[in-house]
Amino acid sequence: SKTAINALVKNLAIEGFRYNIVTSCLYPEMVDTAFAAPYVKNNPYPKLRTADETAQRMLELIVALDSTRSGSFVNIWSNDDIPY
């Protein structure tokens, strides 16, 4: 399913370009939720963030997105592009 989402984002970026639509896939690392609870022991990331912190950061990035980043897969905390 992750591969399908990545392909969808890339296709939306290509098709949306002519309509000035910007799309990106945001990667939040592990978020402190009930869903993640069983996996926290093996969390490879330095910090477990709350859902509110994660949503706030995502909103910041969404507002700042422009066409140069369209179709990218972005780590929301480092703001680095992750290769597909």
PDB file of N, CA and C in Angstrom:
ATOM      1  N   SER A   1       0.821  -1.199   0.000  1.00  0.00           N
ATOM      2  CA  SER A   1       0.000   0.000   0.000  1.00  0.00           C
ATOM      3  C   SER A   1       0.864   1.262   0.000  1.00  0.00           C
ATOM      4  N   LYS A   2       2.057   1.201   0.635  1.00  0.00           N
ATOM      5  CA  LYS A   2       2.935   2.380   0.626  1.00  0.00           C
ATOM      6  C   LYS A   2       3.421   2.684  -0.783  1.00  0.00           C
ATOM      7  N   THR A   3       3.709   1.662  -1.544  1.00  0.00           N
ATOM      8  CA  THR A   3       4.153   1.857  -2.914  1.00  0.00           C
ATOM      9  C   THR A   3       3.047   2.502  -3.743  1.00  0.00           C
ATOM     10  N   ALA A   4       1.823   2.084  -3.516  1.00  0.00           N
ATOM     11  CA  ALA A   4       0.694   2.656  -4.248  1.00  0.00           C
ATOM     12  C   ALA A   4       0.513   4.130  -3.898  1.00  0.00           C
ATOM     13  N   ILE A   5       0.655   4.477  -2.634  1.00  0.00           N
ATOM     14  CA  ILE A   5       0.526   5.878  -2.224  1.00  0.00           C
ATOM     15  C   ILE A   5       1.637   6.715  -2.852  1.00  0.00           C
ATOM     16  N   ASN A   6       2.860   6.189  -2.839  1.00  0.00           N
ATOM     17  CA  ASN A   6       3.974   6.907  -3.458  1.00  0.00           C
ATOM     18  C   ASN A   6       3.726   7.147  -4.942  1.00  0.00           C
ATOM     19  N   ALA A   7       3.239   6.120  -5.637  1.00  0.00           N
ATOM     20  CA  ALA A   7       2.944   6.252  -7.064  1.00  0.00           C
ATOM     21  C   ALA A   7       1.824   7.265  -7.288  1.00  0.00           C
ATOM     22  N   LEU A   8       0.822   7.255  -6.425  1.00  0.00           N
ATOM     23  CA  LEU A   8      -0.274   8.212  -6.541  1.00  0.00           C
ATOM     24  C   LEU A   8       0.227   9.646  -6.379  1.00  0.00           C
ATOM     25  N   VAL A   9       1.079   9.876  -5.401  1.00  0.00           N
ATOM     26  CA  VAL A   9       1.625  11.224  -5.180  1.00  0.00           C
ATOM     27  C   VAL A   9       2.428  11.683  -6.389  1.00  0.00           C
ATOM     28  N   LYS A  10       3.267  10.812  -6.915  1.00  0.00           N
ATOM     29  CA  LYS A  10       4.063  11.177  -8.100  1.00  0.00           C
ATOM     30  C   LYS A  10       3.159  11.490  -9.297  1.00  0.00           C
ATOM     31  N   ASN A  11       2.142  10.667  -9.511  1.00  0.00           N
ATOM     32  CA  ASN A  11       1.223  10.905 -10.630  1.00  0.00           C
ATOM     33  C   ASN A  11       0.420  12.187 -10.437  1.00  0.00           C
ATOM     34  N   LEU A  12      -0.032  12.446  -9.213  1.00  0.00           N
ATOM     35  CA  LEU A  12      -0.757  13.689  -8.937  1.00  0.00           C
ATOM     36  C   LEU A  12       0.128  14.908  -9.198  1.00  0.00           C
ATOM     37  N   ALA A  13       1.398  14.794  -8.853  1.00  0.00           N
ATOM     38  CA  ALA A  13       2.324  15.904  -9.099  1.00  0.00           C
ATOM     39  C   ALA A  13       2.485  16.166 -10.593  1.00  0.00           C
ATOM     40  N   ILE A  14       2.592  15.109 -11.355  1.00  0.00           N
ATOM     41  CA  ILE A  14       2.756  15.253 -12.809  1.00  0.00           C
ATOM     42  C   ILE A  14       1.483  15.821 -13.444  1.00  0.00           C
ATOM     43  N   GLU A  15       0.352  15.231 -13.118  1.00  0.00           N
ATOM     44  CA  GLU A  15      -0.918  15.668 -13.711  1.00  0.00           C
ATOM     45  C   GLU A  15      -1.356  17.026 -13.179  1.00  0.00           C
ATOM     46  N   GLY A  16      -1.084  17.308 -11.916  1.00  0.00           N
ATOM     47  CA  GLY A  16      -1.506  18.565 -11.319  1.00  0.00           C
ATOM     48  C   GLY A  16      -0.667  19.756 -11.716  1.00  0.00           C
ATOM     49  N   PHE A  17       0.519  19.513 -12.247  1.00  0.00           N
ATOM     50  CA  PHE A  17       1.438  20.590 -12.610  1.00  0.00           C
ATOM     51  C   PHE A  17       0.779  21.629 -13.515  1.00  0.00           C
ATOM     52  N   ARG A  18       0.056  21.161 -14.512  1.00  0.00           N
ATOM     53  CA  ARG A  18      -0.562  22.099 -15.474  1.00  0.00           C
ATOM     54  C   ARG A  18      -1.691  22.927 -14.866  1.00  0.00           C
ATOM     55  N   TYR A  19      -2.182  22.496 -13.692  1.00  0.00           N
ATOM     56  CA  TYR A  19      -3.248  23.233 -12.999  1.00  0.00           C
ATOM     57  C   TYR A  19      -2.732  23.941 -11.746  1.00  0.00           C
ATOM     58  N   ASN A  20      -1.416  23.978 -11.612  1.00  0.00           N
ATOM     59  CA  ASN A  20      -0.769  24.611 -10.457  1.00  0.00           C
ATOM     60  C   ASN A  20      -1.168  23.948  -9.139  1.00  0.00           C
ATOM     61  N   ILE A  21      -1.325  22.612  -9.169  1.00  0.00           N
ATOM     62  CA  ILE A  21      -1.639  21.834  -7.970  1.00  0.00           C
ATOM     63  C   ILE A  21      -0.341  21.225  -7.459  1.00  0.00           C
ATOM     64  N   VAL A  22      -0.044  21.443  -6.192  1.00  0.00           N
ATOM     65  CA  VAL A  22       1.172  20.920  -5.571  1.00  0.00           C
ATOM     66  C   VAL A  22       0.785  19.766  -4.656  1.00  0.00           C
ATOM     67  N   THR A  23       1.521  18.676  -4.750  1.00  0.00           N
ATOM     68  CA  THR A  23       1.248  17.517  -3.910  1.00  0.00           C
ATOM     69  C   THR A  23       2.552  16.974  -3.345  1.00  0.00           C
ATOM     70  N   SER A  24       2.474  16.430  -2.150  1.00  0.00           N
ATOM     71  CA  SER A  24       3.653  15.870  -1.509  1.00  0.00           C
ATOM     72  C   SER A  24       3.203  14.801  -0.515  1.00  0.00           C
ATOM     73  N   CYS A  25       4.073  13.856  -0.247  1.00  0.00           N
ATOM     74  CA  CYS A  25       3.810  12.824   0.744  1.00  0.00           C
ATOM     75  C   CYS A  25       4.652  13.156   1.973  1.00  0.00           C
ATOM     76  N   LEU A  26       4.006  13.272   3.129  1.00  0.00           N
ATOM     77  CA  LEU A  26       4.701  13.670   4.353  1.00  0.00           C
ATOM     78  C   LEU A  26       4.899  12.465   5.266  1.00  0.00           C
ATOM     79  N   TYR A  27       6.128  12.296   5.719  1.00  0.00           N
ATOM     80  CA  TYR A  27       6.495  11.167   6.579  1.00  0.00           C
ATOM     81  C   TYR A  27       6.724  11.663   8.000  1.00  0.00           C
ATOM     82  N   PRO A  28       5.871  11.257   8.958  1.00  0.00           N
ATOM     83  CA  PRO A  28       5.969  11.783  10.317  1.00  0.00           C
ATOM     84  C   PRO A  28       6.850  10.981  11.271  1.00  0.00           C
ATOM     85  N   GLU A  29       7.519   9.950  10.793  1.00  0.00           N
ATOM     86  CA  GLU A  29       8.230   9.013  11.673  1.00  0.00           C
ATOM     87  C   GLU A  29       7.190   8.332  12.570  1.00  0.00           C
ATOM     88  N   MET A  30       7.529   7.969  13.802  1.00  0.00           N
ATOM     89  CA  MET A  30       6.569   7.309  14.681  1.00  0.00           C
ATOM     90  C   MET A  30       5.880   8.345  15.562  1.00  0.00           C
ATOM     91  N   VAL A  31       4.541   8.246  15.627  1.00  0.00           N
ATOM     92  CA  VAL A  31       3.736   9.180  16.395  1.00  0.00           C
ATOM     93  C   VAL A  31       3.182   8.462  17.623  1.00  0.00           C
ATOM     94  N   ASP A  32       3.149   9.147  18.745  1.00  0.00           N
ATOM     95  CA  ASP A  32       2.686   8.573  20.013  1.00  0.00           C
ATOM     96  C   ASP A  32       1.166   8.414  20.009  1.00  0.00           C
ATOM     97  N   THR A  33       0.705   7.279  19.487  1.00  0.00           N
ATOM     98  CA  THR A  33      -0.719   6.954  19.431  1.00  0.00           C
ATOM     99  C   THR A  33      -0.934   5.528  19.919  1.00  0.00           C
ATOM    100  N   ALA A  34      -2.179   5.165  20.111  1.00  0.00           N
ATOM    101  CA  ALA A  34      -2.497   3.792  20.517  1.00  0.00           C
ATOM    102  C   ALA A  34      -2.050   2.799  19.443  1.00  0.00           C
ATOM    103  N   PHE A  35      -2.144   3.196  18.190  1.00  0.00           N
ATOM    104  CA  PHE A  35      -1.712   2.329  17.092  1.00  0.00           C
ATOM    105  C   PHE A  35      -0.224   2.012  17.184  1.00  0.00           C
ATOM    106  N   ALA A  36       0.578   2.995  17.579  1.00  0.00           N
ATOM    107  CA  ALA A  36       2.030   2.816  17.637  1.00  0.00           C
ATOM    108  C   ALA A  36       2.492   2.143  18.926  1.00  0.00           C
ATOM    109  N   ALA A  37       1.640   2.090  19.930  1.00  0.00           N
ATOM    110  CA  ALA A  37       2.031   1.577  21.259  1.00  0.00           C
ATOM    111  C   ALA A  37       2.783   0.245  21.215  1.00  0.00           C
ATOM    112  N   PRO A  38       2.350  -0.745  20.444  1.00  0.00           N
ATOM    113  CA  PRO A  38       3.079  -2.018  20.421  1.00  0.00           C
ATOM    114  C   PRO A  38       4.483  -1.932  19.820  1.00  0.00           C
ATOM    115  N   TYR A  39       4.756  -0.869  19.089  1.00  0.00           N
ATOM    116  CA  TYR A  39       6.023  -0.743  18.372  1.00  0.00           C
ATOM    117  C   TYR A  39       7.005   0.227  19.027  1.00  0.00           C
ATOM    118  N   VAL A  40       6.587   0.910  20.074  1.00  0.00           N
ATOM    119  CA  VAL A  40       7.410   1.946  20.701  1.00  0.00           C
ATOM    120  C   VAL A  40       8.742   1.390  21.188  1.00  0.00           C
ATOM    121  N   LYS A  41       8.749   0.177  21.677  1.00  0.00           N
ATOM    122  CA  LYS A  41       9.985  -0.427  22.182  1.00  0.00           C
ATOM    123  C   LYS A  41      11.084  -0.450  21.122  1.00  0.00           C
ATOM    124  N   ASN A  42      10.706  -0.611  19.880  1.00  0.00           N
ATOM    125  CA  ASN A  42      11.676  -0.696  18.781  1.00  0.00           C
ATOM    126  C   ASN A  42      11.733   0.586  17.952  1.00  0.00           C
ATOM    127  N   ASN A  43      11.291   1.696  18.515  1.00  0.00           N
ATOM    128  CA  ASN A  43      11.288   2.964  17.795  1.00  0.00           C
ATOM    129  C   ASN A  43      12.719   3.373  17.435  1.00  0.00           C
ATOM    130  N   PRO A  44      13.020   3.486  16.133  1.00  0.00           N
ATOM    131  CA  PRO A  44      14.378   3.852  15.730  1.00  0.00           C
ATOM    132  C   PRO A  44      14.641   5.364  15.734  1.00  0.00           C
ATOM    133  N   TYR A  45      13.621   6.150  16.032  1.00  0.00           N
ATOM    134  CA  TYR A  45      13.763   7.603  15.953  1.00  0.00           C
ATOM    135  C   TYR A  45      14.087   8.182  17.325  1.00  0.00           C
ATOM    136  N   PRO A  46      14.794   9.301  17.360  1.00  0.00           N
ATOM    137  CA  PRO A  46      15.269   9.855  18.631  1.00  0.00           C
ATOM    138  C   PRO A  46      14.171  10.380  19.547  1.00  0.00           C
ATOM    139  N   LYS A  47      13.013  10.736  18.974  1.00  0.00           N
ATOM    140  CA  LYS A  47      11.965  11.310  19.799  1.00  0.00           C
ATOM    141  C   LYS A  47      10.603  10.844  19.315  1.00  0.00           C
ATOM    142  N   LEU A  48       9.756  10.475  20.264  1.00  0.00           N
ATOM    143  CA  LEU A  48       8.374  10.109  19.962  1.00  0.00           C
ATOM    144  C   LEU A  48       7.525  11.359  20.164  1.00  0.00           C
ATOM    145  N   ARG A  49       6.859  11.805  19.117  1.00  0.00           N
ATOM    146  CA  ARG A  49       6.099  13.052  19.200  1.00  0.00           C
ATOM    147  C   ARG A  49       4.605  12.782  19.277  1.00  0.00           C
ATOM    148  N   THR A  50       3.866  13.725  19.842  1.00  0.00           N
ATOM    149  CA  THR A  50       2.421  13.585  19.982  1.00  0.00           C
ATOM    150  C   THR A  50       1.733  13.832  18.634  1.00  0.00           C
ATOM    151  N   ALA A  51       0.475  13.429  18.582  1.00  0.00           N
ATOM    152  CA  ALA A  51      -0.310  13.662  17.374  1.00  0.00           C
ATOM    153  C   ALA A  51      -0.470  15.166  17.122  1.00  0.00           C
ATOM    154  N   ASP A  52      -0.645  15.958  18.182  1.00  0.00           N
ATOM    155  CA  ASP A  52      -0.778  17.406  18.021  1.00  0.00           C
ATOM    156  C   ASP A  52       0.493  18.035  17.465  1.00  0.00           C
ATOM    157  N   GLU A  53       1.654  17.629  17.987  1.00  0.00           N
ATOM    158  CA  GLU A  53       2.934  18.146  17.474  1.00  0.00           C
ATOM    159  C   GLU A  53       3.090  17.793  15.995  1.00  0.00           C
ATOM    160  N   THR A  54       2.742  16.562  15.661  1.00  0.00           N
ATOM    161  CA  THR A  54       2.880  16.075  14.294  1.00  0.00           C
ATOM    162  C   THR A  54       1.956  16.837  13.347  1.00  0.00           C
ATOM    163  N   ALA A  55       0.708  17.014  13.750  1.00  0.00           N
ATOM    164  CA  ALA A  55      -0.252  17.739  12.912  1.00  0.00           C
ATOM    165  C   ALA A  55       0.187  19.189  12.701  1.00  0.00           C
ATOM    166  N   GLN A  56       0.677  19.822  13.753  1.00  0.00           N
ATOM    167  CA  GLN A  56       1.148  21.211  13.641  1.00  0.00           C
ATOM    168  C   GLN A  56       2.304  21.316  12.647  1.00  0.00           C
ATOM    169  N   ARG A  57       3.247  20.395  12.750  1.00  0.00           N
ATOM    170  CA  ARG A  57       4.401  20.420  11.836  1.00  0.00           C
ATOM    171  C   ARG A  57       3.961  20.166  10.399  1.00  0.00           C
ATOM    172  N   MET A  58       3.028  19.233  10.209  1.00  0.00           N
ATOM    173  CA  MET A  58       2.531  18.959   8.861  1.00  0.00           C
ATOM    174  C   MET A  58       1.863  20.196   8.265  1.00  0.00           C
ATOM    175  N   LEU A  59       1.069  20.891   9.066  1.00  0.00           N
ATOM    176  CA  LEU A  59       0.424  22.112   8.580  1.00  0.00           C
ATOM    177  C   LEU A  59       1.448  23.160   8.171  1.00  0.00           C
ATOM    178  N   GLU A  60       2.515  23.309   8.948  1.00  0.00           N
ATOM    179  CA  GLU A  60       3.578  24.249   8.596  1.00  0.00           C
ATOM    180  C   GLU A  60       4.180  23.921   7.233  1.00  0.00           C
ATOM    181  N   LEU A  61       4.433  22.634   7.007  1.00  0.00           N
ATOM    182  CA  LEU A  61       5.033  22.223   5.734  1.00  0.00           C
ATOM    183  C   LEU A  61       4.063  22.371   4.573  1.00  0.00           C
ATOM    184  N   ILE A  62       2.798  22.061   4.804  1.00  0.00           N
ATOM    185  CA  ILE A  62       1.795  22.175   3.744  1.00  0.00           C
ATOM    186  C   ILE A  62       1.675  23.621   3.289  1.00  0.00           C
ATOM    187  N   VAL A  63       1.647  24.544   4.230  1.00  0.00           N
ATOM    188  CA  VAL A  63       1.546  25.967   3.892  1.00  0.00           C
ATOM    189  C   VAL A  63       2.766  26.425   3.091  1.00  0.00           C
ATOM    190  N   ALA A  64       3.924  25.861   3.390  1.00  0.00           N
ATOM    191  CA  ALA A  64       5.166  26.289   2.734  1.00  0.00           C
ATOM    192  C   ALA A  64       5.445  25.567   1.411  1.00  0.00           C
ATOM    193  N   LEU A  65       4.662  24.550   1.064  1.00  0.00           N
ATOM    194  CA  LEU A  65       4.920  23.799  -0.169  1.00  0.00           C
ATOM    195  C   LEU A  65       4.802  24.682  -1.396  1.00  0.00           C
ATOM    196  N   ASP A  66       5.707  24.453  -2.340  1.00  0.00           N
ATOM    197  CA  ASP A  66       5.605  25.114  -3.630  1.00  0.00           C
ATOM    198  C   ASP A  66       5.905  24.094  -4.724  1.00  0.00           C
ATOM    199  N   SER A  67       5.824  24.523  -5.959  1.00  0.00           N
ATOM    200  CA  SER A  67       5.948  23.584  -7.078  1.00  0.00           C
ATOM    201  C   SER A  67       7.310  22.904  -7.157  1.00  0.00           C
ATOM    202  N   THR A  68       8.338  23.481  -6.557  1.00  0.00           N
ATOM    203  CA  THR A  68       9.659  22.848  -6.611  1.00  0.00           C
ATOM    204  C   THR A  68       9.709  21.560  -5.798  1.00  0.00           C
ATOM    205  N   ARG A  69       8.807  21.401  -4.840  1.00  0.00           N
ATOM    206  CA  ARG A  69       8.784  20.195  -3.998  1.00  0.00           C
ATOM    207  C   ARG A  69       7.643  19.263  -4.368  1.00  0.00           C
ATOM    208  N   SER A  70       6.871  19.603  -5.366  1.00  0.00           N
ATOM    209  CA  SER A  70       5.726  18.776  -5.741  1.00  0.00           C
ATOM    210  C   SER A  70       6.184  17.377  -6.137  1.00  0.00           C
ATOM    211  N   GLY A  71       5.481  16.387  -5.608  1.00  0.00           N
ATOM    212  CA  GLY A  71       5.812  14.990  -5.883  1.00  0.00           C
ATOM    213  C   GLY A  71       6.847  14.418  -4.947  1.00  0.00           C
ATOM    214  N   SER A  72       7.316  15.197  -3.992  1.00  0.00           N
ATOM    215  CA  SER A  72       8.373  14.738  -3.088  1.00  0.00           C
ATOM    216  C   SER A  72       7.811  13.919  -1.929  1.00  0.00           C
ATOM    217  N   PHE A  73       8.681  13.167  -1.312  1.00  0.00           N
ATOM    218  CA  PHE A  73       8.385  12.372  -0.117  1.00  0.00           C
ATOM    219  C   PHE A  73       9.267  12.972   0.972  1.00  0.00           C
ATOM    220  N   VAL A  74       8.662  13.643   1.969  1.00  0.00           N
ATOM    221  CA  VAL A  74       9.392  14.499   2.891  1.00  0.00           C
ATOM    222  C   VAL A  74       9.302  14.011   4.333  1.00  0.00           C
ATOM    223  N   ASN A  75      10.449  13.921   4.991  1.00  0.00           N
ATOM    224  CA  ASN A  75      10.476  13.694   6.432  1.00  0.00           C
ATOM    225  C   ASN A  75      10.096  15.021   7.083  1.00  0.00           C
ATOM    226  N   ILE A  76       9.016  15.042   7.858  1.00  0.00           N
ATOM    227  CA  ILE A  76       8.506  16.320   8.348  1.00  0.00           C
ATOM    228  C   ILE A  76       9.406  16.961   9.391  1.00  0.00           C
ATOM    229  N   TRP A  77      10.231  16.201  10.063  1.00  0.00           N
ATOM    230  CA  TRP A  77      11.070  16.772  11.120  1.00  0.00           C
ATOM    231  C   TRP A  77      12.388  17.306  10.594  1.00  0.00           C
ATOM    232  N   SER A  78      12.990  16.631   9.630  1.00  0.00           N
ATOM    233  CA  SER A  78      14.254  17.108   9.069  1.00  0.00           C
ATOM    234  C   SER A  78      14.033  17.965   7.821  1.00  0.00           C
ATOM    235  N   ASN A  79      12.827  17.869   7.246  1.00  0.00           N
ATOM    236  CA  ASN A  79      12.479  18.556   6.004  1.00  0.00           C
ATOM    237  C   ASN A  79      13.323  18.052   4.825  1.00  0.00           C
ATOM    238  N   ASP A  80      13.888  16.878   4.969  1.00  0.00           N
ATOM    239  CA  ASP A  80      14.683  16.268   3.891  1.00  0.00           C
ATOM    240  C   ASP A  80      13.786  15.445   2.978  1.00  0.00           C
ATOM    241  N   ASP A  81      14.111  15.442   1.691  1.00  0.00           N
ATOM    242  CA  ASP A  81      13.421  14.554   0.754  1.00  0.00           C
ATOM    243  C   ASP A  81      13.932  13.137   0.978  1.00  0.00           C
ATOM    244  N   ILE A  82      13.007  12.209   0.985  1.00  0.00           N
ATOM    245  CA  ILE A  82      13.334  10.785   1.102  1.00  0.00           C
ATOM    246  C   ILE A  82      13.226  10.197  -0.290  1.00  0.00           C
ATOM    247  N   PRO A  83      14.246   9.492  -0.767  1.00  0.00           N
ATOM    248  CA  PRO A  83      14.164   8.902  -2.108  1.00  0.00           C
ATOM    249  C   PRO A  83      13.067   7.853  -2.154  1.00  0.00           C
ATOM    250  N   TYR A  84      12.345   7.825  -3.260  1.00  0.00           N
ATOM    251  CA  TYR A  84      11.300   6.798  -3.435  1.00  0.00           C
ATOM    252  C   TYR A  84      11.923   5.464  -3.663  1.00  0.00           C
TER     253      TYR A  84
END
